[in-house]
């Protein structure tokens, strides 16, 4: 894949470049702020962007705003956002639109190289990859009135893995249950969250995300 990196920490930026090149990816640009990221995407048209949420000059949401602009101007560009902490407002804003080809990871996850590369591949293939801790904290926002509260503990486990972008087969392996059992849980989740009428991969992530702002 062609990957552009946006990270203001020179050490982490260069480390990501080396890692991705060693894994066979092409990195046409690595930049340190949001404006440079948008300009680099315009010039190089990468397959995917890996961007920090907070970058110069304000160190607030420059990277996120750049990612959202990139998704608006070049919808086919995948976006994997990195953050030092779970920033619920930013995560919800990024996830409120089309969540195919979108990921949100904590920077600690980058240290787990296999997890980071797996997330990058999922997002690059048009899937989704949300850090388990991000999902858990966003789910904690729900109230007793939210449809998510009707899910059983096992359905919530399945939903947590769905939101991270895993397939039914992968969920079955991680939860040590059969794939048919996972499929039954998934169908029950769609029914309870009134997503049975939605088609396509996106409803797997919408099952968690469409109610986050409620």
C-alpha atoms as a PDB file:
ATOM      1  CA  UNK A   1       0.000   0.000   0.000  1.00  0.00           C
ATOM      2  CA  UNK A   2       0.956   3.636  -0.445  1.00  0.00           C
ATOM      3  CA  UNK A   3       0.920   5.199   3.028  1.00  0.00           C
ATOM      4  CA  UNK A   4       1.328   8.824   4.115  1.00  0.00           C
ATOM      5  CA  UNK A   5       2.255   9.414   7.751  1.00  0.00           C
ATOM      6  CA  UNK A   6       1.410  12.555   9.731  1.00  0.00           C
ATOM      7  CA  UNK A   7       3.058  12.702  13.157  1.00  0.00           C
ATOM      8  CA  UNK A   8       4.814  15.641  14.822  1.00  0.00           C
ATOM      9  CA  UNK A   9       7.140  13.445  16.874  1.00  0.00           C
ATOM     10  CA  UNK A  10      10.158  12.954  14.619  1.00  0.00           C
ATOM     11  CA  UNK A  11      11.180   9.785  16.430  1.00  0.00           C
ATOM     12  CA  UNK A  12       7.779   8.097  16.060  1.00  0.00           C
ATOM     13  CA  UNK A  13       7.341   9.380  12.497  1.00  0.00           C
ATOM     14  CA  UNK A  14      10.659   7.978  11.332  1.00  0.00           C
ATOM     15  CA  UNK A  15      10.034   4.760  13.220  1.00  0.00           C
ATOM     16  CA  UNK A  16       6.720   4.284  11.427  1.00  0.00           C
ATOM     17  CA  UNK A  17       8.326   5.006   8.066  1.00  0.00           C
ATOM     18  CA  UNK A  18      11.011   2.384   8.662  1.00  0.00           C
ATOM     19  CA  UNK A  19       8.494  -0.182   9.901  1.00  0.00           C
ATOM     20  CA  UNK A  20       6.161   0.247   6.941  1.00  0.00           C
ATOM     21  CA  UNK A  21       8.935   0.212   4.361  1.00  0.00           C
ATOM     22  CA  UNK A  22      10.334  -2.968   5.904  1.00  0.00           C
ATOM     23  CA  UNK A  23       6.855  -4.510   5.605  1.00  0.00           C
ATOM     24  CA  UNK A  24       6.820  -3.758   1.885  1.00  0.00           C
ATOM     25  CA  UNK A  25       4.674  -0.627   1.887  1.00  0.00           C
ATOM     26  CA  UNK A  26       5.526   2.577   0.033  1.00  0.00           C
ATOM     27  CA  UNK A  27       5.702   5.820   2.038  1.00  0.00           C
ATOM     28  CA  UNK A  28       5.748   8.739  -0.427  1.00  0.00           C
ATOM     29  CA  UNK A  29       5.553  11.362   2.333  1.00  0.00           C
ATOM     30  CA  UNK A  30       5.873  11.728   6.112  1.00  0.00           C
ATOM     31  CA  UNK A  31       4.832  15.112   7.523  1.00  0.00           C
ATOM     32  CA  UNK A  32       4.470  16.874  10.844  1.00  0.00           C
ATOM     33  CA  UNK A  33       1.255  18.922  10.685  1.00  0.00           C
ATOM     34  CA  UNK A  34      -2.296  18.813   9.371  1.00  0.00           C
ATOM     35  CA  UNK A  35      -1.895  21.286   6.506  1.00  0.00           C
ATOM     36  CA  UNK A  36       1.126  19.404   5.198  1.00  0.00           C
ATOM     37  CA  UNK A  37      -0.883  16.180   5.418  1.00  0.00           C
ATOM     38  CA  UNK A  38      -3.690  17.496   3.212  1.00  0.00           C
ATOM     39  CA  UNK A  39      -1.137  18.848   0.723  1.00  0.00           C
ATOM     40  CA  UNK A  40       0.701  15.519   0.649  1.00  0.00           C
ATOM     41  CA  UNK A  41      -2.504  13.590   0.005  1.00  0.00           C
ATOM     42  CA  UNK A  42      -3.392  15.984  -2.814  1.00  0.00           C
ATOM     43  CA  UNK A  43       0.015  15.398  -4.399  1.00  0.00           C
ATOM     44  CA  UNK A  44       0.526  11.676  -3.856  1.00  0.00           C
ATOM     45  CA  UNK A  45      -3.020  10.239  -3.565  1.00  0.00           C
ATOM     46  CA  UNK A  46      -2.100   7.426  -1.154  1.00  0.00           C
ATOM     47  CA  UNK A  47      -4.168   4.363  -0.343  1.00  0.00           C
ATOM     48  CA  UNK A  48      -4.171   5.160   3.369  1.00  0.00           C
ATOM     49  CA  UNK A  49      -3.192   7.925   5.793  1.00  0.00           C
ATOM     50  CA  UNK A  50      -1.842   7.329   9.308  1.00  0.00           C
ATOM     51  CA  UNK A  51      -2.336  10.533  11.298  1.00  0.00           C
ATOM     52  CA  UNK A  52      -1.937  11.729  14.857  1.00  0.00           C
ATOM     53  CA  UNK A  53      -4.990  13.531  16.283  1.00  0.00           C
ATOM     54  CA  UNK A  54      -3.038  16.371  17.884  1.00  0.00           C
ATOM     55  CA  UNK A  55      -0.452  18.188  15.786  1.00  0.00           C
ATOM     56  CA  UNK A  56       0.966  21.712  15.374  1.00  0.00           C
ATOM     57  CA  UNK A  57       0.232  24.506  15.617  1.00  0.00           C
ATOM     58  CA  UNK A  58      -2.438  24.149  18.296  1.00  0.00           C
ATOM     59  CA  UNK A  59      -1.960  20.518  19.340  1.00  0.00           C
ATOM     60  CA  UNK A  60      -5.717  20.054  19.667  1.00  0.00           C
ATOM     61  CA  UNK A  61      -7.523  18.387  16.770  1.00  0.00           C
ATOM     62  CA  UNK A  62      -5.493  19.418  13.717  1.00  0.00           C
ATOM     63  CA  UNK A  63      -4.819  15.863  12.614  1.00  0.00           C
ATOM     64  CA  UNK A  64      -8.437  14.821  13.033  1.00  0.00           C
ATOM     65  CA  UNK A  65      -9.724  17.821  11.061  1.00  0.00           C
ATOM     66  CA  UNK A  66      -7.233  17.024   8.307  1.00  0.00           C
ATOM     67  CA  UNK A  67      -8.416  13.390   8.279  1.00  0.00           C
ATOM     68  CA  UNK A  68     -12.057  14.447   7.998  1.00  0.00           C
ATOM     69  CA  UNK A  69     -11.218  16.856   5.167  1.00  0.00           C
ATOM     70  CA  UNK A  70      -9.307  14.101   3.367  1.00  0.00           C
ATOM     71  CA  UNK A  71     -12.294  11.761   3.666  1.00  0.00           C
ATOM     72  CA  UNK A  72     -14.517  14.512   2.254  1.00  0.00           C
ATOM     73  CA  UNK A  73     -12.255  15.448  -0.674  1.00  0.00           C
ATOM     74  CA  UNK A  74     -10.915  11.992  -1.508  1.00  0.00           C
ATOM     75  CA  UNK A  75     -13.503   9.475  -0.228  1.00  0.00           C
ATOM     76  CA  UNK A  76     -11.475   6.489  -1.385  1.00  0.00           C
ATOM     77  CA  UNK A  77      -8.558   7.342   0.922  1.00  0.00           C
ATOM     78  CA  UNK A  78      -8.457   5.187   4.042  1.00  0.00           C
ATOM     79  CA  UNK A  79      -7.680   6.869   7.360  1.00  0.00           C
ATOM     80  CA  UNK A  80      -6.069   5.380  10.476  1.00  0.00           C
ATOM     81  CA  UNK A  81      -5.953   7.904  13.318  1.00  0.00           C
ATOM     82  CA  UNK A  82      -3.571   7.611  16.274  1.00  0.00           C
ATOM     83  CA  UNK A  83      -4.144   9.226  19.655  1.00  0.00           C
ATOM     84  CA  UNK A  84      -2.279   9.313  22.953  1.00  0.00           C
ATOM     85  CA  UNK A  85      -5.534   9.073  24.898  1.00  0.00           C
ATOM     86  CA  UNK A  86      -9.150   8.094  24.263  1.00  0.00           C
ATOM     87  CA  UNK A  87     -10.593  11.404  23.078  1.00  0.00           C
ATOM     88  CA  UNK A  88     -14.277  10.598  22.967  1.00  0.00           C
ATOM     89  CA  UNK A  89     -15.433  13.699  21.107  1.00  0.00           C
ATOM     90  CA  UNK A  90     -12.833  13.247  18.383  1.00  0.00           C
ATOM     91  CA  UNK A  91     -13.440   9.514  18.062  1.00  0.00           C
ATOM     92  CA  UNK A  92     -17.190   9.994  17.783  1.00  0.00           C
ATOM     93  CA  UNK A  93     -16.766  12.754  15.195  1.00  0.00           C
ATOM     94  CA  UNK A  94     -14.526  10.590  13.026  1.00  0.00           C
ATOM     95  CA  UNK A  95     -16.862   7.616  13.331  1.00  0.00           C
ATOM     96  CA  UNK A  96     -20.097   9.512  12.759  1.00  0.00           C
ATOM     97  CA  UNK A  97     -19.901   9.210   8.960  1.00  0.00           C
ATOM     98  CA  UNK A  98     -18.987   6.325   6.699  1.00  0.00           C
ATOM     99  CA  UNK A  99     -16.871   4.028   8.876  1.00  0.00           C
ATOM    100  CA  UNK A 100     -15.565   1.783   6.124  1.00  0.00           C
ATOM    101  CA  UNK A 101     -11.840   2.347   5.705  1.00  0.00           C
ATOM    102  CA  UNK A 102     -11.550   4.144   9.059  1.00  0.00           C
ATOM    103  CA  UNK A 103      -9.540   3.270  12.153  1.00  0.00           C
ATOM    104  CA  UNK A 104      -8.785   4.815  15.541  1.00  0.00           C
ATOM    105  CA  UNK A 105      -5.931   3.395  17.620  1.00  0.00           C
ATOM    106  CA  UNK A 106      -4.206   4.454  20.797  1.00  0.00           C
ATOM    107  CA  UNK A 107      -0.497   5.081  20.313  1.00  0.00           C
ATOM    108  CA  UNK A 108       0.309   2.325  22.782  1.00  0.00           C
ATOM    109  CA  UNK A 109      -1.086  -0.065  20.167  1.00  0.00           C
ATOM    110  CA  UNK A 110       1.683   0.966  17.751  1.00  0.00           C
ATOM    111  CA  UNK A 111       4.183  -0.617  20.142  1.00  0.00           C
ATOM    112  CA  UNK A 112       2.387  -3.916  19.526  1.00  0.00           C
ATOM    113  CA  UNK A 113       3.684  -4.153  15.979  1.00  0.00           C
ATOM    114  CA  UNK A 114       1.546  -7.093  14.910  1.00  0.00           C
ATOM    115  CA  UNK A 115      -1.639  -5.395  16.205  1.00  0.00           C
ATOM    116  CA  UNK A 116      -0.765  -2.148  14.443  1.00  0.00           C
ATOM    117  CA  UNK A 117       0.013  -3.855  11.142  1.00  0.00           C
ATOM    118  CA  UNK A 118      -3.165  -5.936  11.380  1.00  0.00           C
ATOM    119  CA  UNK A 119      -5.228  -2.783  11.934  1.00  0.00           C
ATOM    120  CA  UNK A 120      -3.478  -1.055   9.035  1.00  0.00           C
ATOM    121  CA  UNK A 121      -4.263  -3.973   6.726  1.00  0.00           C
ATOM    122  CA  UNK A 122      -7.928  -4.074   7.802  1.00  0.00           C
ATOM    123  CA  UNK A 123      -8.418  -0.363   7.234  1.00  0.00           C
ATOM    124  CA  UNK A 124      -6.482  -0.465   3.970  1.00  0.00           C
ATOM    125  CA  UNK A 125      -8.783  -3.234   2.731  1.00  0.00           C
ATOM    126  CA  UNK A 126     -11.836  -1.064   3.434  1.00  0.00           C
ATOM    127  CA  UNK A 127     -12.644  -2.486   6.838  1.00  0.00           C
ATOM    128  CA  UNK A 128     -12.543  -0.830  10.237  1.00  0.00           C
ATOM    129  CA  UNK A 129     -10.142  -0.972  13.177  1.00  0.00           C
ATOM    130  CA  UNK A 130     -11.038   0.615  16.487  1.00  0.00           C
ATOM    131  CA  UNK A 131      -8.869   0.196  19.549  1.00  0.00           C
ATOM    132  CA  UNK A 132     -10.540  -2.041  22.152  1.00  0.00           C
ATOM    133  CA  UNK A 133     -10.061   0.621  24.831  1.00  0.00           C
ATOM    134  CA  UNK A 134     -11.640   3.264  22.589  1.00  0.00           C
ATOM    135  CA  UNK A 135     -14.658   1.021  22.041  1.00  0.00           C
ATOM    136  CA  UNK A 136     -14.988   0.237  25.754  1.00  0.00           C
ATOM    137  CA  UNK A 137     -14.883   3.883  26.803  1.00  0.00           C
ATOM    138  CA  UNK A 138     -17.324   4.946  24.101  1.00  0.00           C
ATOM    139  CA  UNK A 139     -19.708   2.178  25.089  1.00  0.00           C
ATOM    140  CA  UNK A 140     -19.507   3.420  28.667  1.00  0.00           C
ATOM    141  CA  UNK A 141     -21.329   6.577  27.535  1.00  0.00           C
ATOM    142  CA  UNK A 142     -24.521   4.636  26.916  1.00  0.00           C
ATOM    143  CA  UNK A 143     -27.459   4.859  29.332  1.00  0.00           C
ATOM    144  CA  UNK A 144     -30.258   2.544  30.349  1.00  0.00           C
ATOM    145  CA  UNK A 145     -32.419   4.084  27.621  1.00  0.00           C
ATOM    146  CA  UNK A 146     -29.945   3.171  24.893  1.00  0.00           C
ATOM    147  CA  UNK A 147     -30.711   0.078  22.774  1.00  0.00           C
ATOM    148  CA  UNK A 148     -27.228  -1.235  23.579  1.00  0.00           C
ATOM    149  CA  UNK A 149     -28.430  -1.803  27.129  1.00  0.00           C
ATOM    150  CA  UNK A 150     -30.698  -4.584  25.843  1.00  0.00           C
ATOM    151  CA  UNK A 151     -27.765  -6.708  24.719  1.00  0.00           C
ATOM    152  CA  UNK A 152     -26.621  -9.734  26.685  1.00  0.00           C
ATOM    153  CA  UNK A 153     -23.031  -9.868  27.997  1.00  0.00           C
ATOM    154  CA  UNK A 154     -22.067 -12.290  25.219  1.00  0.00           C
ATOM    155  CA  UNK A 155     -23.671 -10.060  22.576  1.00  0.00           C
ATOM    156  CA  UNK A 156     -21.690  -7.116  23.929  1.00  0.00           C
ATOM    157  CA  UNK A 157     -18.499  -9.186  23.683  1.00  0.00           C
ATOM    158  CA  UNK A 158     -19.300  -9.973  20.065  1.00  0.00           C
ATOM    159  CA  UNK A 159     -20.180  -6.340  19.389  1.00  0.00           C
ATOM    160  CA  UNK A 160     -16.899  -5.185  20.918  1.00  0.00           C
ATOM    161  CA  UNK A 161     -14.973  -7.398  18.486  1.00  0.00           C
ATOM    162  CA  UNK A 162     -17.162  -6.380  15.544  1.00  0.00           C
ATOM    163  CA  UNK A 163     -16.391  -2.727  16.233  1.00  0.00           C
ATOM    164  CA  UNK A 164     -12.691  -3.499  16.117  1.00  0.00           C
ATOM    165  CA  UNK A 165     -13.172  -4.803  12.587  1.00  0.00           C
ATOM    166  CA  UNK A 166     -12.894  -8.558  13.125  1.00  0.00           C
ATOM    167  CA  UNK A 167     -14.733 -11.075  10.959  1.00  0.00           C
ATOM    168  CA  UNK A 168     -17.141 -13.647  12.394  1.00  0.00           C
ATOM    169  CA  UNK A 169     -14.508 -16.355  12.026  1.00  0.00           C
ATOM    170  CA  UNK A 170     -11.933 -14.305  13.939  1.00  0.00           C
ATOM    171  CA  UNK A 171     -14.456 -13.482  16.669  1.00  0.00           C
ATOM    172  CA  UNK A 172     -15.321 -17.170  17.043  1.00  0.00           C
ATOM    173  CA  UNK A 173     -11.649 -18.053  17.462  1.00  0.00           C
ATOM    174  CA  UNK A 174     -11.023 -15.323  20.032  1.00  0.00           C
ATOM    175  CA  UNK A 175     -14.158 -16.074  22.078  1.00  0.00           C
ATOM    176  CA  UNK A 176     -13.729 -19.856  21.732  1.00  0.00           C
ATOM    177  CA  UNK A 177     -17.194 -20.444  20.312  1.00  0.00           C
ATOM    178  CA  UNK A 178     -18.459 -21.742  16.977  1.00  0.00           C
ATOM    179  CA  UNK A 179     -18.838 -19.439  13.993  1.00  0.00           C
ATOM    180  CA  UNK A 180     -22.546 -20.300  13.808  1.00  0.00           C
ATOM    181  CA  UNK A 181     -22.938 -19.132  17.404  1.00  0.00           C
ATOM    182  CA  UNK A 182     -21.280 -15.837  16.527  1.00  0.00           C
ATOM    183  CA  UNK A 183     -23.577 -15.444  13.514  1.00  0.00           C
ATOM    184  CA  UNK A 184     -26.614 -15.932  15.764  1.00  0.00           C
ATOM    185  CA  UNK A 185     -25.328 -13.286  18.162  1.00  0.00           C
ATOM    186  CA  UNK A 186     -24.654 -10.894  15.278  1.00  0.00           C
ATOM    187  CA  UNK A 187     -28.187 -11.317  13.931  1.00  0.00           C
ATOM    188  CA  UNK A 188     -29.599 -10.762  17.421  1.00  0.00           C
ATOM    189  CA  UNK A 189     -27.540  -7.576  17.748  1.00  0.00           C
ATOM    190  CA  UNK A 190     -28.819  -6.254  14.414  1.00  0.00           C
ATOM    191  CA  UNK A 191     -32.400  -6.993  15.460  1.00  0.00           C
ATOM    192  CA  UNK A 192     -32.080  -5.323  18.867  1.00  0.00           C
ATOM    193  CA  UNK A 193     -30.379  -2.256  17.408  1.00  0.00           C
ATOM    194  CA  UNK A 194     -32.854  -2.060  14.529  1.00  0.00           C
ATOM    195  CA  UNK A 195     -30.181  -2.524  11.882  1.00  0.00           C
ATOM    196  CA  UNK A 196     -31.671  -5.538  10.121  1.00  0.00           C
ATOM    197  CA  UNK A 197     -32.686  -3.369   7.156  1.00  0.00           C
ATOM    198  CA  UNK A 198     -29.141  -2.004   6.665  1.00  0.00           C
ATOM    199  CA  UNK A 199     -27.031  -3.874   4.109  1.00  0.00           C
ATOM    200  CA  UNK A 200     -23.293  -4.126   3.608  1.00  0.00           C
ATOM    201  CA  UNK A 201     -20.276  -4.331   5.890  1.00  0.00           C
ATOM    202  CA  UNK A 202     -20.877  -0.925   7.472  1.00  0.00           C
ATOM    203  CA  UNK A 203     -23.721  -2.110   9.683  1.00  0.00           C
ATOM    204  CA  UNK A 204     -21.245  -4.247  11.631  1.00  0.00           C
ATOM    205  CA  UNK A 205     -19.588  -1.082  12.873  1.00  0.00           C
ATOM    206  CA  UNK A 206     -22.771   1.000  12.913  1.00  0.00           C
ATOM    207  CA  UNK A 207     -24.121  -1.502  15.420  1.00  0.00           C
ATOM    208  CA  UNK A 208     -21.780   0.152  17.935  1.00  0.00           C
ATOM    209  CA  UNK A 209     -21.291   3.595  16.490  1.00  0.00           C
ATOM    210  CA  UNK A 210     -24.670   4.924  15.382  1.00  0.00           C
ATOM    211  CA  UNK A 211     -25.794   5.304  18.990  1.00  0.00           C
ATOM    212  CA  UNK A 212     -22.618   6.780  20.446  1.00  0.00           C
ATOM    213  CA  UNK A 213     -23.918  10.330  20.213  1.00  0.00           C
ATOM    214  CA  UNK A 214     -27.244   9.535  21.858  1.00  0.00           C
END
